[in-house]
Amino acid sequence: MLFDLKPKINRNDLFNFNQEFNALARFIKVPLTRLIVVKGLRRSGKTSLILSTLNFIKYTVCIH
């Protein structure tokens, strides 16, 4: 579902984030990466990008 207020956790639900998704997945997989900063304007999809990327590469994601 595209226009939902909850963060997306599936890659198919993201819209127009392919470049950012691929870059984040690449940075997460590098063992020397110690810190990743995702910044942007409010409500621009940062949390959805992070959650869907972690879910795609099979990291455990816990949402409360």
Protein backbone atom coordinates (compact mmCIF):
# COMPACT_ATOMS: atom_id res chain seq x y z
CA MET A 1 0.00 0.00 0.00
CA LEU A 2 1.59 3.27 -1.07
CA PHE A 3 -0.10 6.05 0.91
CA ASP A 4 -0.07 4.67 4.42
CA LEU A 5 1.18 6.52 7.48
CA LYS A 6 3.13 3.53 8.79
CA PRO A 7 6.71 2.93 7.59
CA LYS A 8 7.08 0.46 4.73
CA ILE A 9 8.97 -2.77 5.35
CA ASN A 10 8.82 -4.24 1.84
CA ARG A 11 11.00 -3.15 -1.08
CA ASN A 12 8.05 -3.33 -3.47
CA ASP A 13 6.24 -0.64 -1.47
CA LEU A 14 9.02 1.91 -1.86
CA PHE A 15 8.58 4.44 -4.65
CA ASN A 16 11.54 6.01 -6.45
CA PHE A 17 14.21 4.92 -3.94
CA ASN A 18 16.16 2.46 -6.10
CA GLN A 19 19.48 4.32 -6.00
CA GLU A 20 19.31 4.97 -2.26
CA PHE A 21 18.17 1.39 -1.58
CA ASN A 22 21.09 -0.09 -3.51
CA ALA A 23 23.61 2.25 -1.87
CA LEU A 24 22.36 1.48 1.64
CA ALA A 25 22.35 -2.28 1.01
CA ARG A 26 25.90 -2.05 -0.34
CA PHE A 27 27.11 -0.07 2.70
CA ILE A 28 25.47 -2.50 5.14
CA LYS A 29 27.17 -5.50 3.53
CA VAL A 30 30.67 -4.00 3.79
CA PRO A 31 32.24 -5.36 6.99
CA LEU A 32 34.41 -2.27 7.50
CA THR A 33 31.39 0.06 7.70
CA ARG A 34 30.98 1.24 11.28
CA LEU A 35 28.36 3.98 10.94
CA ILE A 36 25.73 4.82 8.34
CA VAL A 37 23.87 8.12 8.50
CA VAL A 38 20.59 8.47 6.64
CA LYS A 39 19.45 12.06 6.62
CA GLY A 40 16.76 14.02 4.85
CA LEU A 41 13.68 16.13 5.29
CA ARG A 42 10.90 15.12 7.65
CA ARG A 43 8.51 12.49 6.26
CA SER A 44 10.69 11.84 3.21
CA GLY A 45 10.88 8.05 3.72
CA LYS A 46 14.07 7.55 5.72
CA THR A 47 12.59 4.99 8.11
CA SER A 48 10.86 3.12 5.28
CA LEU A 49 14.13 3.01 3.35
CA ILE A 50 16.05 1.62 6.33
CA LEU A 51 13.41 -0.94 7.34
CA SER A 52 12.82 -2.23 3.82
CA THR A 53 16.56 -2.52 3.15
CA LEU A 54 17.20 -4.41 6.38
CA ASN A 55 14.23 -6.67 5.67
CA PHE A 56 15.45 -7.33 2.11
CA ILE A 57 18.94 -8.38 3.20
CA LYS A 58 17.46 -10.51 6.00
CA TYR A 59 18.54 -8.52 9.05
CA THR A 60 16.18 -8.89 11.99
CA VAL A 61 13.90 -5.87 12.17
CA CYS A 62 11.86 -5.29 15.31
CA ILE A 63 9.09 -2.66 15.20
CA HIS A 64 7.30 -1.69 18.40
